[in-house]
């Protein structure tokens, strides 16, 4: 059975075009992502740290926050 190099080259060409398009989409999505969301999360994190600093012995970690887990 003969190996058709033209057909193989065309299949590779189509596959590379698909991969390049997927890479371009991924790069576009990565460039559209926003970094930190602004002042709100920074202030929230600062308030949480302040609360932990002001009441270090008052922090009680509730396991699973009271959620029952089926076992």
N, C-alpha and C. Protein backbone atom coordinates (compact mmCIF):
# COMPACT_ATOMS: atom_id res chain seq x y z
N UNK A 1 0.85 -1.16 0.00
CA UNK A 1 0.00 0.00 0.00
C UNK A 1 0.90 1.23 0.00
N UNK A 2 0.60 2.16 -0.87
CA UNK A 2 1.40 3.37 -0.99
C UNK A 2 1.03 4.37 0.10
N UNK A 3 2.03 5.09 0.54
CA UNK A 3 1.81 6.15 1.52
C UNK A 3 1.70 7.46 0.76
N UNK A 4 0.57 8.10 0.85
CA UNK A 4 0.33 9.32 0.12
C UNK A 4 0.84 10.50 0.94
N UNK A 5 2.01 11.01 0.57
CA UNK A 5 2.61 12.11 1.34
C UNK A 5 1.81 13.40 1.18
N UNK A 6 1.20 13.61 0.04
CA UNK A 6 0.41 14.82 -0.16
C UNK A 6 -0.77 14.85 0.82
N UNK A 7 -1.45 13.73 0.95
CA UNK A 7 -2.59 13.65 1.86
C UNK A 7 -2.12 13.82 3.31
N UNK A 8 -0.99 13.22 3.65
CA UNK A 8 -0.47 13.36 5.01
C UNK A 8 -0.09 14.81 5.30
N UNK A 9 0.53 15.48 4.33
CA UNK A 9 0.89 16.89 4.51
C UNK A 9 -0.35 17.74 4.69
N UNK A 10 -1.40 17.46 3.96
CA UNK A 10 -2.64 18.23 4.09
C UNK A 10 -3.29 18.00 5.46
N UNK A 11 -3.27 16.75 5.94
CA UNK A 11 -3.82 16.47 7.26
C UNK A 11 -3.03 17.20 8.35
N UNK A 12 -1.70 17.20 8.21
CA UNK A 12 -0.86 17.90 9.17
C UNK A 12 -1.11 19.40 9.09
N UNK A 13 -1.28 19.91 7.89
CA UNK A 13 -1.54 21.34 7.70
C UNK A 13 -2.84 21.76 8.39
N UNK A 14 -3.88 20.94 8.23
CA UNK A 14 -5.17 21.25 8.87
C UNK A 14 -5.04 21.17 10.39
N UNK A 15 -4.34 20.16 10.87
CA UNK A 15 -4.16 20.00 12.32
C UNK A 15 -3.38 21.18 12.90
N UNK A 16 -2.33 21.60 12.24
CA UNK A 16 -1.55 22.75 12.71
C UNK A 16 -2.39 24.02 12.71
N UNK A 17 -3.22 24.19 11.69
CA UNK A 17 -4.09 25.37 11.65
C UNK A 17 -5.07 25.35 12.83
N UNK A 18 -5.62 24.18 13.15
CA UNK A 18 -6.51 24.07 14.30
C UNK A 18 -5.78 24.40 15.60
N UNK A 19 -4.58 23.87 15.75
CA UNK A 19 -3.81 24.12 16.97
C UNK A 19 -3.42 25.59 17.10
N UNK A 20 -3.07 26.21 15.98
CA UNK A 20 -2.73 27.64 16.01
C UNK A 20 -3.95 28.47 16.39
N UNK A 21 -5.11 28.12 15.86
CA UNK A 21 -6.34 28.85 16.19
C UNK A 21 -6.67 28.68 17.67
N UNK A 22 -6.51 27.47 18.18
CA UNK A 22 -6.78 27.23 19.60
C UNK A 22 -5.80 28.02 20.47
N UNK A 23 -4.55 28.08 20.06
CA UNK A 23 -3.56 28.87 20.80
C UNK A 23 -3.88 30.35 20.78
N UNK A 24 -4.34 30.83 19.64
CA UNK A 24 -4.72 32.25 19.54
C UNK A 24 -5.91 32.55 20.44
N UNK A 25 -6.89 31.63 20.48
CA UNK A 25 -8.04 31.83 21.37
C UNK A 25 -7.61 31.83 22.83
N UNK A 26 -6.72 30.91 23.19
CA UNK A 26 -6.25 30.85 24.57
C UNK A 26 -5.48 32.11 24.95
N UNK A 27 -4.66 32.62 24.03
CA UNK A 27 -3.91 33.84 24.30
C UNK A 27 -4.84 35.03 24.45
N UNK A 28 -5.90 35.08 23.64
CA UNK A 28 -6.88 36.16 23.72
C UNK A 28 -7.61 36.12 25.06
N UNK A 29 -8.00 34.93 25.48
CA UNK A 29 -8.67 34.79 26.77
C UNK A 29 -7.74 35.16 27.92
N UNK A 30 -6.49 34.77 27.83
CA UNK A 30 -5.53 35.10 28.89
C UNK A 30 -5.29 36.60 28.97
N UNK A 31 -5.29 37.27 27.84
CA UNK A 31 -5.07 38.72 27.85
C UNK A 31 -6.30 39.46 28.34
N UNK A 32 -7.49 38.84 28.23
CA UNK A 32 -8.72 39.49 28.66
C UNK A 32 -8.97 39.33 30.16
N UNK A 33 -8.24 38.43 30.81
CA UNK A 33 -8.44 38.22 32.23
C UNK A 33 -8.00 39.46 33.00
N UNK A 34 -8.79 39.76 34.00
CA UNK A 34 -8.50 40.92 34.82
C UNK A 34 -7.72 40.45 36.04
N UNK A 35 -6.78 41.22 36.46
CA UNK A 35 -6.00 40.90 37.64
C UNK A 35 -6.84 41.07 38.91
N UNK A 36 -6.30 41.71 39.90
CA UNK A 36 -7.05 41.95 41.12
C UNK A 36 -8.31 42.76 40.82
N UNK A 37 -9.37 42.50 41.52
CA UNK A 37 -10.66 43.10 41.21
C UNK A 37 -10.85 44.50 41.79
N UNK A 38 -9.88 45.04 42.45
CA UNK A 38 -10.00 46.40 42.92
C UNK A 38 -9.84 46.54 44.42
N UNK A 39 -10.46 47.58 44.94
CA UNK A 39 -10.28 47.95 46.33
C UNK A 39 -11.08 47.04 47.26
N UNK A 40 -12.24 46.59 46.83
CA UNK A 40 -13.12 45.80 47.71
C UNK A 40 -12.45 44.57 48.30
N UNK A 41 -11.88 43.69 47.48
CA UNK A 41 -11.22 42.52 48.04
C UNK A 41 -10.02 42.87 48.92
N UNK A 42 -9.32 43.94 48.59
CA UNK A 42 -8.18 44.35 49.41
C UNK A 42 -8.65 44.81 50.77
N UNK A 43 -9.73 45.60 50.80
CA UNK A 43 -10.27 46.07 52.07
C UNK A 43 -10.82 44.90 52.88
N UNK A 44 -11.50 43.98 52.21
CA UNK A 44 -12.02 42.80 52.91
C UNK A 44 -10.92 41.98 53.55
N UNK A 45 -9.85 41.74 52.79
CA UNK A 45 -8.72 40.99 53.34
C UNK A 45 -8.07 41.71 54.50
N UNK A 46 -7.96 43.04 54.38
CA UNK A 46 -7.38 43.82 55.47
C UNK A 46 -8.25 43.75 56.72
N UNK A 47 -9.57 43.81 56.56
CA UNK A 47 -10.47 43.71 57.71
C UNK A 47 -10.38 42.34 58.38
N UNK A 48 -10.26 41.30 57.58
CA UNK A 48 -10.11 39.95 58.16
C UNK A 48 -8.81 39.86 58.94
N UNK A 49 -7.71 40.37 58.38
CA UNK A 49 -6.43 40.34 59.10
C UNK A 49 -6.50 41.18 60.37
N UNK A 50 -7.17 42.33 60.30
CA UNK A 50 -7.31 43.19 61.48
C UNK A 50 -8.10 42.47 62.56
N UNK A 51 -9.18 41.80 62.18
CA UNK A 51 -9.96 41.06 63.16
C UNK A 51 -9.17 39.94 63.80
N UNK A 52 -8.37 39.26 63.03
CA UNK A 52 -7.53 38.19 63.59
C UNK A 52 -6.47 38.76 64.51
N UNK A 53 -5.97 39.95 64.20
CA UNK A 53 -4.94 40.58 65.03
C UNK A 53 -5.54 41.07 66.33
N UNK A 54 -6.76 41.63 66.27
CA UNK A 54 -7.39 42.17 67.47
C UNK A 54 -7.88 41.08 68.42
N UNK A 55 -8.30 39.96 67.90
CA UNK A 55 -8.82 38.88 68.74
C UNK A 55 -8.14 37.57 68.39
N UNK A 56 -6.85 37.43 68.71
CA UNK A 56 -6.14 36.21 68.28
C UNK A 56 -6.65 34.95 68.96
N UNK A 57 -7.14 35.02 70.20
CA UNK A 57 -7.59 33.82 70.89
C UNK A 57 -9.04 33.49 70.60
N UNK A 58 -9.77 34.36 69.94
CA UNK A 58 -11.20 34.18 69.70
C UNK A 58 -11.51 33.41 68.43
N UNK A 59 -10.54 33.18 67.60
CA UNK A 59 -10.79 32.51 66.32
C UNK A 59 -10.96 31.01 66.58
N UNK A 60 -12.12 30.52 66.23
CA UNK A 60 -12.41 29.10 66.39
C UNK A 60 -12.75 28.54 65.01
N UNK A 61 -11.99 27.56 64.60
CA UNK A 61 -12.24 26.95 63.30
C UNK A 61 -13.27 25.85 63.47
N UNK A 62 -14.42 26.03 62.85
CA UNK A 62 -15.46 25.01 62.90
C UNK A 62 -15.21 24.01 61.78
N UNK A 63 -15.04 22.74 62.12
CA UNK A 63 -14.81 21.75 61.06
C UNK A 63 -16.03 21.66 60.15
N UNK A 64 -15.80 21.85 58.88
CA UNK A 64 -16.83 21.80 57.84
C UNK A 64 -17.93 22.82 58.05
N UNK A 65 -17.72 23.79 58.93
CA UNK A 65 -18.69 24.86 59.20
C UNK A 65 -20.07 24.30 59.51
N UNK A 66 -20.11 23.18 60.20
CA UNK A 66 -21.39 22.61 60.61
C UNK A 66 -22.08 21.79 59.53
N UNK A 67 -21.43 21.57 58.40
CA UNK A 67 -22.02 20.80 57.32
C UNK A 67 -21.76 19.33 57.57
N UNK A 68 -22.83 18.53 57.51
CA UNK A 68 -22.66 17.09 57.72
C UNK A 68 -22.21 16.44 56.42
N UNK A 69 -21.29 15.53 56.54
CA UNK A 69 -20.75 14.84 55.36
C UNK A 69 -21.18 13.39 55.42
N UNK A 70 -21.77 12.90 54.35
CA UNK A 70 -22.18 11.49 54.29
C UNK A 70 -20.95 10.62 54.15
N UNK A 71 -20.91 9.58 54.94
CA UNK A 71 -19.75 8.68 54.88
C UNK A 71 -20.19 7.27 54.57
